[in-house]
Amino acid sequence: MCGDGSFGQLGTGDNQSRNLPFEATSFTTKHVEKLAFGMRHSLVLLKDNSVYGFGSARRGQVGKFASKNQKFYNTPRLIDGFPNCKIMNLYANGDHSAALDESGQLHIWGRALVGEHDDDQPRAAFPSLSISQVALGWHHALVLSGGELYAIGAYRHQKCDPTVSENAVARQLNLTTASSIHHEPSSASNLAKVPSIHGQQVTQIAAGTEHSALVTESGALFTWGWGEHGQLGLGDTCDQVVPQRVNLGDEGSRSYASLGVYCGSGFTVAVSQA
């Protein structure tokens, strides 16, 4: 590991930054399966199904507080809350943390996505969905279930018009709040289904700080959200409320059936894997 350690996110036992790679000795004898990194915290999944967190702890993103005044943990600490389930993947962004188990159950903790209190323990969210993919932003998240896309939270940026209300955004997107899911215990306060695009299923999702991307089963790429840095790939720097088709060029001669999309904080990368 190397880089900024000011919140203990390098797990060294101190808050010093490092400009050369070093071995994370806490895991020298462990079999690491998955890693996930937020703005100032780190998550590690081991082969024995244990999950560890370290770094900023202000929003509960690295597990249960030792005290309410605890701002960080600079050594890895076990995160409890996964009884009788096999964790398959970890996710982190901003001050959010999430895990997905083998049954498709989503577990979330850390900063509340919308309107509720932060949670320092993993909580099962939306148990009626069998989730296959998760993408976390800073104020929103995307989950994919059976080829259908759901959005949690809200965007702070809204199509070049900061006066647009959250309800207006939902109306423009024609989002349907899943009332049968809404009442289920969760650290997110709403779950909205994103209507299918031309009847196609979604095969991949990605999220940046405040923008999102998806790939359909035909290999078409769509982006929406914050566009200030051109990260939506639409030829401008406007924000977009609804998913917009991205022109990747050479569509007549190149297959995008296995297109992959990835989002950084304010940039997007698409990779043709064909």
Protein backbone atom coordinates (compact mmCIF):
# COMPACT_ATOMS: atom_id res chain seq x y z
CA MET A 1 0.00 0.00 0.00
CA CYS A 2 1.03 3.63 -0.32
CA GLY A 3 -0.40 7.14 -0.34
CA ASP A 4 -2.48 9.24 2.04
CA GLY A 5 -2.72 7.76 5.51
CA SER A 6 -4.06 10.77 7.36
CA PHE A 7 -7.17 8.91 8.54
CA GLY A 8 -5.43 5.59 9.12
CA GLN A 9 -6.69 4.14 5.82
CA LEU A 10 -3.33 2.43 5.21
CA GLY A 11 -3.76 0.34 8.35
CA THR A 12 -0.24 0.94 9.64
CA GLY A 13 -1.12 1.81 13.24
CA ASP A 14 -0.35 5.47 12.63
CA ASN A 15 -1.71 8.29 10.47
CA GLN A 16 1.37 8.83 8.35
CA SER A 17 1.32 8.93 4.56
CA ARG A 18 3.70 6.72 2.58
CA ASN A 19 5.28 7.52 -0.79
CA LEU A 20 6.67 4.05 -1.39
CA PRO A 21 4.73 0.76 -1.51
CA PHE A 22 4.89 -1.30 1.68
CA GLU A 23 3.46 -4.62 2.75
CA ALA A 24 0.34 -4.48 4.90
CA THR A 25 1.69 -6.68 7.67
CA SER A 26 -1.72 -7.16 9.30
CA PHE A 27 -2.59 -9.45 6.39
CA THR A 28 0.78 -11.10 5.73
CA THR A 29 -0.46 -14.52 6.84
CA LYS A 30 -4.03 -14.02 5.58
CA HIS A 31 -5.67 -14.92 2.28
CA VAL A 32 -7.17 -11.70 0.96
CA GLU A 33 -10.15 -12.24 -1.38
CA LYS A 34 -11.53 -8.75 -2.03
CA LEU A 35 -10.64 -5.12 -1.40
CA ALA A 36 -12.71 -1.93 -1.51
CA PHE A 37 -11.71 1.66 -0.85
CA GLY A 38 -13.78 4.73 -0.04
CA MET A 39 -12.70 8.34 0.21
CA ARG A 40 -10.83 7.77 3.49
CA HIS A 41 -11.47 4.17 4.50
CA SER A 42 -10.50 0.65 3.45
CA LEU A 43 -12.32 -2.70 3.52
CA VAL A 44 -10.79 -6.17 3.26
CA LEU A 45 -12.54 -9.52 2.79
CA LEU A 46 -10.58 -12.62 3.77
CA LYS A 47 -11.04 -16.18 2.55
CA ASP A 48 -12.45 -17.17 5.94
CA ASN A 49 -15.35 -14.73 5.29
CA SER A 50 -14.18 -12.16 7.82
CA VAL A 51 -14.44 -8.49 6.85
CA TYR A 52 -12.04 -5.85 8.19
CA GLY A 53 -12.24 -2.08 8.04
CA PHE A 54 -9.82 0.75 8.83
CA GLY A 55 -9.57 4.47 8.23
CA SER A 56 -12.13 7.19 8.82
CA ALA A 57 -14.84 6.07 11.23
CA ARG A 58 -16.91 9.23 11.61
CA ARG A 59 -19.92 7.87 9.70
CA GLY A 60 -19.66 4.24 10.85
CA GLN A 61 -18.11 3.08 7.56
CA VAL A 62 -15.54 0.81 9.23
CA GLY A 63 -17.92 -0.81 11.69
CA LYS A 64 -19.20 -0.38 15.21
CA PHE A 65 -17.92 2.65 17.12
CA ALA A 66 -15.79 2.03 20.17
CA SER A 67 -17.03 5.47 21.22
CA LYS A 68 -19.09 8.17 19.53
CA ASN A 69 -16.00 10.39 19.49
CA GLN A 70 -13.92 7.87 17.56
CA LYS A 71 -12.84 9.58 14.32
CA PHE A 72 -10.63 6.87 12.84
CA TYR A 73 -9.09 3.44 13.29
CA ASN A 74 -5.55 3.08 11.97
CA THR A 75 -5.34 -0.69 12.39
CA PRO A 76 -7.68 -3.23 10.77
CA ARG A 77 -10.66 -4.16 12.92
CA LEU A 78 -13.18 -6.93 12.42
CA ILE A 79 -16.62 -5.81 11.23
CA ASP A 80 -19.38 -7.92 12.77
CA GLY A 81 -22.78 -8.37 11.22
CA PHE A 82 -22.60 -11.16 8.65
CA PRO A 83 -24.05 -14.20 10.43
CA ASN A 84 -24.65 -17.34 8.42
CA CYS A 85 -23.89 -15.79 5.03
CA LYS A 86 -21.00 -16.03 2.61
CA ILE A 87 -19.77 -12.62 1.47
CA MET A 88 -18.90 -12.51 -2.23
CA ASN A 89 -17.94 -8.87 -2.76
CA LEU A 90 -17.25 -5.58 -1.02
CA TYR A 91 -18.02 -2.03 -2.15
CA ALA A 92 -17.00 1.40 -0.88
CA ASN A 93 -17.21 5.01 -2.02
CA GLY A 94 -17.30 8.28 -0.13
CA ASP A 95 -18.29 7.34 3.42
CA HIS A 96 -20.44 4.37 2.33
CA SER A 97 -19.69 0.67 2.71
CA ALA A 98 -21.54 -2.36 1.37
CA ALA A 99 -21.21 -6.11 0.98
CA LEU A 100 -23.04 -8.59 -1.21
CA ASP A 101 -23.54 -12.19 -0.10
CA GLU A 102 -23.92 -15.32 -2.20
CA SER A 103 -27.73 -15.21 -2.01
CA GLY A 104 -27.84 -11.73 -3.54
CA GLN A 105 -28.57 -10.03 -0.22
CA LEU A 106 -27.14 -6.51 0.11
CA HIS A 107 -25.65 -5.35 3.42
CA ILE A 108 -24.95 -1.63 3.87
CA TRP A 109 -23.41 0.52 6.58
CA GLY A 110 -21.73 3.89 7.05
CA ARG A 111 -23.14 7.23 5.94
CA ALA A 112 -26.87 7.16 5.29
CA LEU A 113 -27.64 7.56 1.61
CA VAL A 114 -30.82 9.59 2.15
CA GLY A 115 -32.57 11.03 5.14
CA GLU A 116 -31.74 8.57 7.91
CA HIS A 117 -29.07 8.20 10.56
CA ASP A 118 -25.65 6.77 9.84
CA ASP A 119 -25.23 3.11 10.72
CA ASP A 120 -22.07 1.59 12.17
CA GLN A 121 -23.28 -1.99 11.72
CA PRO A 122 -24.06 -3.82 8.47
CA ARG A 123 -27.79 -4.00 7.85
CA ALA A 124 -29.60 -6.19 5.34
CA ALA A 125 -31.28 -3.99 2.74
CA PHE A 126 -34.13 -4.86 0.38
CA PRO A 127 -34.34 -8.60 1.09
CA SER A 128 -37.02 -9.08 -1.58
CA LEU A 129 -34.39 -8.39 -4.26
CA SER A 130 -31.71 -10.82 -5.39
CA ILE A 131 -28.94 -8.38 -6.26
CA SER A 132 -26.13 -9.22 -8.66
CA GLN A 133 -24.24 -5.92 -8.91
CA VAL A 134 -23.76 -2.83 -6.76
CA ALA A 135 -22.26 0.58 -7.57
CA LEU A 136 -21.77 3.21 -4.87
CA GLY A 137 -21.51 6.97 -5.42
CA TRP A 138 -21.17 9.67 -2.77
CA HIS A 139 -24.87 10.45 -2.43
CA HIS A 140 -26.44 7.63 -4.43
CA ALA A 141 -26.11 3.95 -5.24
CA LEU A 142 -27.22 1.64 -8.02
CA VAL A 143 -28.20 -2.00 -7.63
CA LEU A 144 -28.89 -4.52 -10.38
CA SER A 145 -31.37 -7.36 -9.90
CA GLY A 146 -32.52 -9.68 -12.66
CA GLY A 147 -31.37 -7.25 -15.33
CA GLU A 148 -33.45 -4.45 -13.78
CA LEU A 149 -31.83 -1.33 -12.36
CA TYR A 150 -32.73 0.38 -9.09
CA ALA A 151 -31.44 3.67 -7.70
CA ILE A 152 -30.99 4.57 -4.04
CA GLY A 153 -30.45 8.11 -2.80
CA ALA A 154 -30.27 11.26 -4.90
CA TYR A 155 -27.98 13.28 -7.14
CA ARG A 156 -26.86 16.72 -6.00
CA HIS A 157 -26.34 17.77 -9.63
CA GLN A 158 -29.39 17.99 -11.86
CA LYS A 159 -29.15 18.84 -15.57
CA CYS A 160 -27.67 22.35 -15.43
CA ASP A 161 -30.57 23.54 -13.23
CA PRO A 162 -29.77 23.54 -9.50
CA THR A 163 -33.33 24.64 -8.69
CA VAL A 164 -34.86 21.35 -9.86
CA SER A 165 -36.33 19.54 -6.87
CA GLU A 166 -35.71 15.90 -6.03
CA ASN A 167 -39.38 15.12 -6.71
CA ALA A 168 -39.11 16.76 -10.13
CA VAL A 169 -36.11 14.63 -10.92
CA ALA A 170 -38.05 11.51 -9.99
CA ARG A 171 -40.90 12.59 -12.25
CA GLN A 172 -38.56 13.26 -15.16
CA LEU A 173 -36.98 9.86 -14.71
CA ASN A 174 -40.42 8.31 -14.29
CA LEU A 175 -38.98 6.47 -11.33
CA THR A 176 -41.35 4.16 -9.54
CA THR A 177 -40.75 3.84 -5.82
CA ALA A 178 -41.00 0.17 -5.01
CA SER A 179 -43.53 0.45 -2.19
CA SER A 180 -43.26 -3.23 -1.37
CA ILE A 181 -39.56 -2.66 -0.79
CA HIS A 182 -39.72 0.82 0.69
CA HIS A 183 -40.86 -0.28 4.13
CA GLU A 184 -38.16 -2.89 4.61
CA PRO A 185 -35.45 -2.10 7.18
CA SER A 186 -32.54 -0.36 5.50
CA SER A 187 -30.07 2.47 6.00
CA ALA A 188 -31.27 3.86 2.69
CA SER A 189 -34.64 5.55 2.79
CA ASN A 190 -35.85 4.94 -0.75
CA LEU A 191 -35.42 2.55 -3.63
CA ALA A 192 -36.59 3.57 -7.08
CA LYS A 193 -36.77 1.39 -10.18
CA VAL A 194 -35.20 2.90 -13.27
CA PRO A 195 -37.40 2.14 -16.31
CA SER A 196 -35.82 -0.14 -18.91
CA ILE A 197 -34.27 1.44 -21.98
CA HIS A 198 -36.04 0.22 -25.11
CA GLY A 199 -37.05 -2.90 -23.19
CA GLN A 200 -33.44 -4.04 -22.79
CA GLN A 201 -31.94 -5.50 -19.68
CA VAL A 202 -28.97 -3.87 -17.99
CA THR A 203 -25.81 -5.99 -17.82
CA GLN A 204 -23.34 -3.72 -16.04
CA ILE A 205 -23.44 -0.63 -13.82
CA ALA A 206 -20.91 1.86 -12.48
CA ALA A 207 -20.99 4.98 -10.32
CA GLY A 208 -18.64 7.91 -9.78
CA THR A 209 -18.91 10.66 -7.21
CA GLU A 210 -22.23 11.89 -8.59
CA HIS A 211 -22.59 10.30 -12.00
CA SER A 212 -23.65 6.87 -13.20
CA ALA A 213 -23.23 4.60 -16.19
CA LEU A 214 -24.87 1.44 -17.47
CA VAL A 215 -24.40 -1.03 -20.31
CA THR A 216 -27.39 -2.76 -21.90
CA GLU A 217 -27.55 -6.32 -23.19
CA SER A 218 -26.94 -5.02 -26.73
CA GLY A 219 -23.73 -3.31 -25.58
CA ALA A 220 -25.07 0.26 -25.61
CA LEU A 221 -23.55 2.65 -23.09
CA PHE A 222 -25.65 5.23 -21.22
CA THR A 223 -24.53 7.85 -18.68
CA TRP A 224 -26.27 10.42 -16.48
CA GLY A 225 -25.75 12.62 -13.42
CA TRP A 226 -22.95 15.14 -12.86
CA GLY A 227 -21.26 16.22 -16.09
CA GLU A 228 -19.09 19.20 -15.14
CA HIS A 229 -15.84 17.56 -16.26
CA GLY A 230 -17.19 15.89 -19.39
CA GLN A 231 -17.39 12.56 -17.59
CA LEU A 232 -20.70 11.70 -19.25
CA GLY A 233 -19.01 11.57 -22.65
CA LEU A 234 -21.82 13.50 -24.36
CA GLY A 235 -19.76 16.30 -25.88
CA ASP A 236 -20.63 18.90 -23.25
CA THR A 237 -20.30 19.55 -19.53
CA CYS A 238 -24.00 19.59 -18.65
CA ASP A 239 -25.59 17.44 -15.96
CA GLN A 240 -28.20 14.94 -17.09
CA VAL A 241 -31.21 13.69 -15.16
CA VAL A 242 -32.06 10.75 -17.43
CA PRO A 243 -29.66 8.18 -18.96
CA GLN A 244 -28.22 9.40 -22.27
CA ARG A 245 -26.75 7.22 -25.02
CA VAL A 246 -22.99 7.67 -25.48
CA ASN A 247 -21.66 7.54 -29.03
CA LEU A 248 -18.52 5.41 -28.93
CA GLY A 249 -17.93 5.54 -32.70
CA ASP A 250 -17.25 2.67 -35.14
CA GLU A 251 -20.49 1.07 -34.05
CA GLY A 252 -20.95 -0.48 -37.46
CA SER A 253 -17.61 -2.26 -37.39
CA ARG A 254 -17.02 -3.00 -33.72
CA SER A 255 -18.92 -5.28 -31.36
CA TYR A 256 -19.79 -3.91 -27.92
CA ALA A 257 -21.51 -7.05 -26.68
CA SER A 258 -18.87 -7.37 -23.96
CA LEU A 259 -18.38 -3.68 -23.22
CA GLY A 260 -17.20 -2.85 -19.71
CA VAL A 261 -17.70 0.53 -18.01
CA TYR A 262 -15.94 1.98 -14.99
CA CYS A 263 -16.34 5.32 -13.20
CA GLY A 264 -13.78 7.35 -11.28
CA SER A 265 -14.67 10.39 -9.21
CA GLY A 266 -15.14 12.66 -12.22
CA PHE A 267 -14.25 10.46 -15.20
CA THR A 268 -15.51 7.38 -17.03
CA VAL A 269 -13.72 4.56 -18.86
CA ALA A 270 -15.32 2.14 -21.33
CA VAL A 271 -13.43 -0.98 -22.40
CA SER A 272 -14.34 -3.21 -25.31
CA GLN A 273 -13.55 -6.74 -24.20
CA ALA A 274 -14.49 -8.39 -27.50
